[in-house]
N, C-alpha and C. Protein backbone atom coordinates (compact mmCIF):
# COMPACT_ATOMS: atom_id res chain seq x y z
N MET A 1 60.31 37.88 41.94
CA MET A 1 60.97 38.53 40.76
C MET A 1 61.84 39.71 41.21
N ALA A 2 62.95 39.90 40.59
CA ALA A 2 63.92 40.88 40.93
C ALA A 2 63.48 42.31 40.46
N SER A 3 64.03 43.31 41.17
CA SER A 3 63.86 44.67 40.66
C SER A 3 65.12 45.20 40.18
N LEU A 4 65.08 46.20 39.36
CA LEU A 4 66.25 46.96 38.81
C LEU A 4 65.88 48.45 38.82
N LEU A 5 66.85 49.13 39.46
CA LEU A 5 66.71 50.60 39.51
C LEU A 5 67.77 51.32 38.61
N ILE A 6 67.34 52.17 37.73
CA ILE A 6 68.35 52.72 36.82
C ILE A 6 68.26 54.25 37.16
N ARG A 7 69.49 54.74 37.57
CA ARG A 7 69.55 56.13 38.01
C ARG A 7 70.24 56.98 36.87
N ASN A 8 69.92 58.30 36.96
CA ASN A 8 70.57 59.21 36.20
C ASN A 8 70.13 59.15 34.66
N VAL A 9 68.89 58.83 34.38
CA VAL A 9 68.37 58.83 33.05
C VAL A 9 67.96 60.17 32.63
N ASP A 10 68.50 60.65 31.57
CA ASP A 10 68.22 62.09 31.16
C ASP A 10 66.75 62.10 30.73
N GLU A 11 66.18 63.33 30.95
CA GLU A 11 64.77 63.50 30.59
C GLU A 11 64.33 63.20 29.16
N ALA A 12 65.24 63.58 28.20
CA ALA A 12 64.89 63.34 26.74
C ALA A 12 64.79 61.77 26.54
N LEU A 13 65.65 61.01 27.13
CA LEU A 13 65.52 59.56 27.02
C LEU A 13 64.29 59.01 27.65
N ARG A 14 64.06 59.49 28.80
CA ARG A 14 62.75 59.05 29.63
C ARG A 14 61.58 59.43 28.71
N ASP A 15 61.57 60.56 28.13
CA ASP A 15 60.46 61.05 27.31
C ASP A 15 60.33 60.13 26.12
N GLN A 16 61.42 59.84 25.45
CA GLN A 16 61.34 58.92 24.31
C GLN A 16 60.79 57.52 24.66
N LEU A 17 61.26 57.06 25.77
CA LEU A 17 60.71 55.70 26.32
C LEU A 17 59.27 55.65 26.69
N LYS A 18 58.86 56.84 27.23
CA LYS A 18 57.32 57.01 27.46
C LYS A 18 56.54 57.02 26.28
N ALA A 19 57.07 57.78 25.26
CA ALA A 19 56.38 57.83 23.96
C ALA A 19 56.30 56.49 23.21
N ARG A 20 57.46 55.86 23.30
CA ARG A 20 57.46 54.43 22.78
C ARG A 20 56.53 53.56 23.49
N ALA A 21 56.38 53.68 24.82
CA ALA A 21 55.58 52.72 25.54
C ALA A 21 54.05 53.06 25.17
N ARG A 22 53.72 54.37 24.99
CA ARG A 22 52.43 54.74 24.60
C ARG A 22 52.04 54.16 23.27
N ARG A 23 52.95 54.22 22.37
CA ARG A 23 52.63 53.69 21.00
C ARG A 23 52.47 52.11 21.05
N HIS A 24 53.18 51.44 21.99
CA HIS A 24 53.00 50.01 22.12
C HIS A 24 51.91 49.60 23.18
N ARG A 25 51.25 50.64 23.72
CA ARG A 25 50.25 50.40 24.69
C ARG A 25 50.70 49.60 25.87
N ARG A 26 51.91 50.06 26.30
CA ARG A 26 52.64 49.34 27.56
C ARG A 26 52.83 50.47 28.55
N SER A 27 53.06 49.90 29.74
CA SER A 27 53.58 50.83 30.83
C SER A 27 55.07 51.13 30.53
N LEU A 28 55.53 52.28 31.10
CA LEU A 28 56.99 52.61 30.91
C LEU A 28 57.85 51.42 31.41
N GLU A 29 57.50 50.80 32.55
CA GLU A 29 58.29 49.68 33.04
C GLU A 29 58.25 48.47 32.03
N GLU A 30 57.19 48.16 31.51
CA GLU A 30 57.06 47.01 30.64
C GLU A 30 57.81 47.26 29.38
N GLU A 31 57.64 48.56 28.88
CA GLU A 31 58.51 48.85 27.71
C GLU A 31 60.01 48.70 27.94
N ALA A 32 60.49 49.18 29.08
CA ALA A 32 61.97 49.05 29.47
C ALA A 32 62.23 47.57 29.59
N ARG A 33 61.44 46.64 30.12
CA ARG A 33 61.67 45.24 30.15
C ARG A 33 61.85 44.67 28.83
N GLU A 34 60.86 45.07 27.88
CA GLU A 34 60.81 44.56 26.54
C GLU A 34 62.06 44.92 25.79
N LEU A 35 62.60 46.18 25.97
CA LEU A 35 63.69 46.57 25.29
C LEU A 35 64.97 45.85 25.72
N LEU A 36 64.98 45.58 27.08
CA LEU A 36 66.07 44.84 27.63
C LEU A 36 66.06 43.41 27.12
N ARG A 37 64.88 42.76 27.09
CA ARG A 37 64.76 41.46 26.44
C ARG A 37 65.25 41.33 25.15
N ALA A 38 64.80 42.26 24.22
CA ALA A 38 65.20 42.38 22.82
C ALA A 38 66.67 42.62 22.63
N ALA A 39 67.36 43.47 23.45
CA ALA A 39 68.75 43.63 23.23
C ALA A 39 69.51 42.34 23.65
N ILE A 40 69.12 41.76 24.73
CA ILE A 40 69.87 40.47 25.13
C ILE A 40 69.62 39.35 23.97
N ALA A 41 68.42 39.28 23.45
CA ALA A 41 68.13 38.26 22.40
C ALA A 41 69.00 38.54 21.18
N ARG A 42 69.06 39.77 20.74
CA ARG A 42 69.92 40.21 19.58
C ARG A 42 71.34 39.85 19.84
N GLU A 43 71.84 40.03 21.11
CA GLU A 43 73.25 39.73 21.34
C GLU A 43 73.42 38.26 21.17
N ALA A 44 72.57 37.47 21.85
CA ALA A 44 72.69 36.01 21.78
C ALA A 44 72.60 35.47 20.39
N ALA A 45 71.73 36.11 19.59
CA ALA A 45 71.53 35.60 18.18
C ALA A 45 72.67 36.02 17.31
N GLY A 46 73.39 37.13 17.64
CA GLY A 46 74.59 37.54 16.92
C GLY A 46 75.71 36.52 16.91
N ARG A 47 75.67 35.79 17.97
CA ARG A 47 76.78 34.85 18.05
C ARG A 47 76.65 33.53 17.22
N GLU A 48 75.48 33.36 16.73
CA GLU A 48 75.18 32.15 16.03
C GLU A 48 75.53 32.48 14.51
N THR A 49 76.25 31.67 13.80
CA THR A 49 76.58 31.73 12.40
C THR A 49 75.50 31.26 11.58
N LEU A 50 75.46 31.67 10.38
CA LEU A 50 74.34 31.31 9.32
C LEU A 50 74.34 29.81 9.13
N PRO A 51 75.54 29.11 9.02
CA PRO A 51 75.48 27.71 8.81
C PRO A 51 74.91 27.03 10.09
N ALA A 52 75.25 27.60 11.19
CA ALA A 52 74.73 26.92 12.49
C ALA A 52 73.24 27.11 12.52
N ILE A 53 72.74 28.34 12.08
CA ILE A 53 71.22 28.50 12.16
C ILE A 53 70.58 27.56 11.14
N ALA A 54 71.13 27.39 9.99
CA ALA A 54 70.63 26.53 9.02
C ALA A 54 70.55 25.20 9.49
N ALA A 55 71.60 24.59 10.16
CA ALA A 55 71.67 23.25 10.72
C ALA A 55 70.62 23.05 11.82
N ARG A 56 70.52 24.10 12.64
CA ARG A 56 69.59 23.99 13.68
C ARG A 56 68.15 23.95 13.14
N LEU A 57 67.87 24.72 12.21
CA LEU A 57 66.43 24.80 11.64
C LEU A 57 66.20 23.71 10.61
N PHE A 58 67.15 23.31 9.87
CA PHE A 58 66.87 22.38 8.72
C PHE A 58 67.67 21.10 8.75
N GLY A 59 68.38 20.87 9.88
CA GLY A 59 69.34 19.76 9.85
C GLY A 59 68.82 18.34 9.85
N PRO A 60 69.68 17.35 9.99
CA PRO A 60 69.18 15.98 9.75
C PRO A 60 68.06 15.59 10.85
N GLU A 61 68.10 16.14 11.94
CA GLU A 61 67.10 15.82 13.00
C GLU A 61 65.72 16.28 12.53
N HIS A 62 65.61 17.16 11.37
CA HIS A 62 64.46 17.56 10.84
C HIS A 62 64.12 16.92 9.48
N GLY A 63 64.84 15.79 9.08
CA GLY A 63 64.73 15.02 7.94
C GLY A 63 65.29 15.69 6.75
N ILE A 64 66.14 16.73 6.87
CA ILE A 64 66.73 17.37 5.73
C ILE A 64 68.23 17.24 5.66
N ASP A 65 68.79 16.71 4.63
CA ASP A 65 70.27 16.54 4.52
C ASP A 65 70.84 17.77 3.95
N LEU A 66 71.80 18.35 4.73
CA LEU A 66 72.45 19.59 4.20
C LEU A 66 73.83 19.36 3.65
N ALA A 67 74.11 18.21 3.22
CA ALA A 67 75.38 17.94 2.66
C ALA A 67 75.54 18.70 1.31
N LEU A 68 76.57 19.49 1.24
CA LEU A 68 76.77 20.21 0.08
C LEU A 68 77.96 19.67 -0.69
N PRO A 69 77.85 19.74 -2.05
CA PRO A 69 79.02 19.20 -2.82
C PRO A 69 80.20 20.02 -2.65
N PRO A 70 81.45 19.35 -2.81
CA PRO A 70 82.63 20.14 -2.51
C PRO A 70 82.89 21.18 -3.59
N ARG A 71 83.42 22.27 -3.18
CA ARG A 71 83.73 23.34 -4.14
C ARG A 71 84.92 22.96 -5.05
N THR A 72 84.75 23.42 -6.25
CA THR A 72 86.00 23.00 -7.14
C THR A 72 86.54 24.47 -7.54
N ALA A 73 87.74 24.40 -8.00
CA ALA A 73 88.37 25.59 -8.39
C ALA A 73 87.63 26.28 -9.62
N GLU A 74 87.12 25.47 -10.54
CA GLU A 74 86.50 25.86 -11.80
C GLU A 74 84.98 25.78 -11.57
N ARG A 75 84.36 26.85 -11.12
CA ARG A 75 82.82 26.82 -10.84
C ARG A 75 82.25 27.27 -12.22
N GLU A 76 80.88 26.80 -12.32
CA GLU A 76 80.13 27.06 -13.50
C GLU A 76 79.66 28.39 -13.28
N ARG A 77 79.94 29.22 -14.32
CA ARG A 77 79.47 30.72 -14.21
C ARG A 77 78.06 30.74 -14.80
N PRO A 78 77.35 31.80 -14.22
CA PRO A 78 76.06 32.01 -14.78
C PRO A 78 75.99 32.60 -16.15
N PRO A 79 75.00 32.49 -16.88
CA PRO A 79 75.00 32.93 -18.35
C PRO A 79 75.16 34.44 -18.35
N LEU A 80 75.75 34.97 -19.38
CA LEU A 80 75.83 36.42 -19.58
C LEU A 80 74.68 36.91 -20.43
N PHE A 81 74.28 38.10 -20.18
CA PHE A 81 73.08 38.65 -20.92
C PHE A 81 73.55 40.00 -21.56
N GLY A 82 73.00 40.24 -22.66
CA GLY A 82 73.17 41.63 -23.32
C GLY A 82 74.64 41.75 -23.85
N GLY A 83 75.39 40.78 -24.23
CA GLY A 83 76.71 40.98 -24.80
C GLY A 83 77.75 41.35 -23.75
N GLU A 84 77.57 41.07 -22.52
CA GLU A 84 78.44 41.48 -21.46
C GLU A 84 79.77 40.63 -21.62
N ALA A 85 80.87 41.23 -21.53
CA ALA A 85 82.15 40.62 -21.59
C ALA A 85 82.56 39.99 -20.26
N ARG A 86 83.25 38.85 -20.30
CA ARG A 86 83.71 38.22 -18.97
C ARG A 86 85.12 38.70 -18.73
């Protein structure tokens, strides 16, 4: 497994990381690894669009048809409540 050395970390940041590691009952190194993993995962997830996520989770290979009806210019509006004007 590879090693990574991070230099010039200010003391306040190190102290915050130590406190966070204590709260999660991890070593300082494990907390830093977990934060790096989470940051990379968020970045990778941010590239995927909502329709792509839906297709991946609920697409035809899972037995669910996601075919949506085409949109029309005149959509049905929800009912109005309490005398609201359109």
